[in-house]
Amino acid sequence: MAVSELKYNDFTAIEGFSCGLAWDFAPRNITVNTIEPGFIDTDMMPADPAVREAFIKAIPLKRLGKPEEFASLVNFLAGPESGYKTGSNMAIDGGILA
């Protein structure tokens, strides 16, 4: 099995699990959503400029995501504005999955 197949299977399993939880917890007014992050500019990113550039070339927006952009999505999902959003998978990846 190729690495890309494993990644796809992992995300598919996570999405299925979270959708099941969304159905199970909805009667209790508890929402369940997942976030699929792309390459975010943190200390976990490789320091090698060539590797970073290879990542950036793969991103349609041609830049790494900012931690505050990711945090903003988390804050939205944790706040009252998303009270009617459940069972969703939200990609924040600069367009990689587009």
C-alpha atoms as a PDB file:
ATOM      1  CA  MET A   1       0.000   0.000   0.000  1.00  0.00           C
ATOM      2  CA  ALA A   2       1.379   3.435  -0.962  1.00  0.00           C
ATOM      3  CA  VAL A   3       1.842   6.200   1.594  1.00  0.00           C
ATOM      4  CA  SER A   4      -0.823   8.279  -0.166  1.00  0.00           C
ATOM      5  CA  GLU A   5      -3.288   5.398   0.227  1.00  0.00           C
ATOM      6  CA  LEU A   6      -2.512   5.159   3.946  1.00  0.00           C
ATOM      7  CA  LYS A   7      -3.031   8.893   4.363  1.00  0.00           C
ATOM      8  CA  TYR A   8      -6.342   8.701   2.500  1.00  0.00           C
ATOM      9  CA  ASN A   9      -7.480   5.728   4.580  1.00  0.00           C
ATOM     10  CA  ASP A  10      -6.522   7.482   7.831  1.00  0.00           C
ATOM     11  CA  PHE A  11      -8.455  10.641   6.962  1.00  0.00           C
ATOM     12  CA  THR A  12     -11.422   8.634   5.719  1.00  0.00           C
ATOM     13  CA  ALA A  13     -11.513   6.711   9.002  1.00  0.00           C
ATOM     14  CA  ILE A  14     -11.270   9.922  11.045  1.00  0.00           C
ATOM     15  CA  GLU A  15     -14.036  11.566   9.004  1.00  0.00           C
ATOM     16  CA  GLY A  16     -16.287   8.520   9.394  1.00  0.00           C
ATOM     17  CA  PHE A  17     -15.638   8.340  13.114  1.00  0.00           C
ATOM     18  CA  SER A  18     -16.339  12.040  13.633  1.00  0.00           C
ATOM     19  CA  CYS A  19     -19.541  11.861  11.554  1.00  0.00           C
ATOM     20  CA  GLY A  20     -20.726   8.981  13.730  1.00  0.00           C
ATOM     21  CA  LEU A  21     -19.932  10.972  16.853  1.00  0.00           C
ATOM     22  CA  ALA A  22     -21.754  13.984  15.415  1.00  0.00           C
ATOM     23  CA  TRP A  23     -24.913  11.872  15.019  1.00  0.00           C
ATOM     24  CA  ASP A  24     -24.517  10.339  18.475  1.00  0.00           C
ATOM     25  CA  PHE A  25     -23.929  13.621  20.320  1.00  0.00           C
ATOM     26  CA  ALA A  26     -26.274  15.912  18.363  1.00  0.00           C
ATOM     27  CA  PRO A  27     -29.265  15.114  20.617  1.00  0.00           C
ATOM     28  CA  ARG A  28     -27.190  16.480  23.505  1.00  0.00           C
ATOM     29  CA  ASN A  29     -26.415  19.673  21.534  1.00  0.00           C
ATOM     30  CA  ILE A  30     -22.736  18.711  21.287  1.00  0.00           C
ATOM     31  CA  THR A  31     -21.076  19.370  17.938  1.00  0.00           C
ATOM     32  CA  VAL A  32     -18.236  17.307  16.472  1.00  0.00           C
ATOM     33  CA  ASN A  33     -16.076  18.536  13.602  1.00  0.00           C
ATOM     34  CA  THR A  34     -12.585  17.770  12.315  1.00  0.00           C
ATOM     35  CA  ILE A  35      -9.842  19.972  10.955  1.00  0.00           C
ATOM     36  CA  GLU A  36      -7.501  18.787   8.228  1.00  0.00           C
ATOM     37  CA  PRO A  37      -4.440  21.049   8.450  1.00  0.00           C
ATOM     38  CA  GLY A  38      -1.956  21.629   5.675  1.00  0.00           C
ATOM     39  CA  PHE A  39       1.575  22.916   6.128  1.00  0.00           C
ATOM     40  CA  ILE A  40       1.569  25.456   8.975  1.00  0.00           C
ATOM     41  CA  ASP A  41       4.643  27.618   9.605  1.00  0.00           C
ATOM     42  CA  THR A  42       5.730  26.402  13.051  1.00  0.00           C
ATOM     43  CA  ASP A  43       8.921  25.078  14.634  1.00  0.00           C
ATOM     44  CA  MET A  44       7.858  21.619  13.475  1.00  0.00           C
ATOM     45  CA  MET A  45       8.482  22.573   9.832  1.00  0.00           C
ATOM     46  CA  PRO A  46      11.889  21.536   8.443  1.00  0.00           C
ATOM     47  CA  ALA A  47      14.530  24.251   8.744  1.00  0.00           C
ATOM     48  CA  ASP A  48      16.195  23.250   5.455  1.00  0.00           C
ATOM     49  CA  PRO A  49      15.246  25.982   2.932  1.00  0.00           C
ATOM     50  CA  ALA A  50      15.120  23.486   0.047  1.00  0.00           C
ATOM     51  CA  VAL A  51      12.618  21.302   1.882  1.00  0.00           C
ATOM     52  CA  ARG A  52      10.489  24.306   2.844  1.00  0.00           C
ATOM     53  CA  GLU A  53      10.463  25.483  -0.776  1.00  0.00           C
ATOM     54  CA  ALA A  54       9.361  22.024  -1.923  1.00  0.00           C
ATOM     55  CA  PHE A  55       6.418  22.209   0.481  1.00  0.00           C
ATOM     56  CA  ILE A  56       5.525  25.727  -0.689  1.00  0.00           C
ATOM     57  CA  LYS A  57       5.625  24.687  -4.358  1.00  0.00           C
ATOM     58  CA  ALA A  58       2.982  22.036  -3.616  1.00  0.00           C
ATOM     59  CA  ILE A  59       0.586  24.612  -2.118  1.00  0.00           C
ATOM     60  CA  PRO A  60      -1.674  26.480  -4.574  1.00  0.00           C
ATOM     61  CA  LEU A  61      -1.467  29.665  -2.459  1.00  0.00           C
ATOM     62  CA  LYS A  62       2.357  29.360  -2.581  1.00  0.00           C
ATOM     63  CA  ARG A  63       2.904  29.995   1.107  1.00  0.00           C
ATOM     64  CA  LEU A  64       2.745  28.208   4.446  1.00  0.00           C
ATOM     65  CA  GLY A  65      -0.236  28.709   6.685  1.00  0.00           C
ATOM     66  CA  LYS A  66       0.111  30.949   9.710  1.00  0.00           C
ATOM     67  CA  PRO A  67      -0.557  29.582  13.205  1.00  0.00           C
ATOM     68  CA  GLU A  68      -3.068  32.375  13.812  1.00  0.00           C
ATOM     69  CA  GLU A  69      -5.025  31.325  10.706  1.00  0.00           C
ATOM     70  CA  PHE A  70      -5.289  27.800  12.096  1.00  0.00           C
ATOM     71  CA  ALA A  71      -6.152  29.124  15.567  1.00  0.00           C
ATOM     72  CA  SER A  72      -8.886  31.285  14.082  1.00  0.00           C
ATOM     73  CA  LEU A  73     -10.606  28.210  12.648  1.00  0.00           C
ATOM     74  CA  VAL A  74     -10.283  26.390  15.974  1.00  0.00           C
ATOM     75  CA  ASN A  75     -11.778  29.402  17.791  1.00  0.00           C
ATOM     76  CA  PHE A  76     -14.677  29.487  15.331  1.00  0.00           C
ATOM     77  CA  LEU A  77     -15.438  25.797  15.824  1.00  0.00           C
ATOM     78  CA  ALA A  78     -15.176  26.115  19.611  1.00  0.00           C
ATOM     79  CA  GLY A  79     -17.380  29.211  19.755  1.00  0.00           C
ATOM     80  CA  PRO A  80     -21.102  29.848  19.597  1.00  0.00           C
ATOM     81  CA  GLU A  81     -20.961  30.944  15.919  1.00  0.00           C
ATOM     82  CA  SER A  82     -20.550  27.305  14.880  1.00  0.00           C
ATOM     83  CA  GLY A  83     -23.355  25.958  17.036  1.00  0.00           C
ATOM     84  CA  TYR A  84     -25.231  24.611  13.992  1.00  0.00           C
ATOM     85  CA  LYS A  85     -22.132  23.093  12.341  1.00  0.00           C
ATOM     86  CA  THR A  86     -21.553  19.445  13.094  1.00  0.00           C
ATOM     87  CA  GLY A  87     -20.188  16.419  11.270  1.00  0.00           C
ATOM     88  CA  SER A  88     -17.935  18.541   9.061  1.00  0.00           C
ATOM     89  CA  ASN A  89     -14.328  18.140   8.000  1.00  0.00           C
ATOM     90  CA  MET A  90     -12.666  21.477   7.362  1.00  0.00           C
ATOM     91  CA  ALA A  91      -9.445  21.678   5.406  1.00  0.00           C
ATOM     92  CA  ILE A  92      -7.126  24.596   6.085  1.00  0.00           C
ATOM     93  CA  ASP A  93      -4.374  23.791   3.629  1.00  0.00           C
ATOM     94  CA  GLY A  94      -3.873  26.622   1.176  1.00  0.00           C
ATOM     95  CA  GLY A  95      -5.826  24.741  -1.474  1.00  0.00           C
ATOM     96  CA  ILE A  96      -3.913  21.438  -1.554  1.00  0.00           C
ATOM     97  CA  LEU A  97      -7.137  19.408  -1.427  1.00  0.00           C
ATOM     98  CA  ALA A  98      -8.999  21.674  -3.857  1.00  0.00           C
END
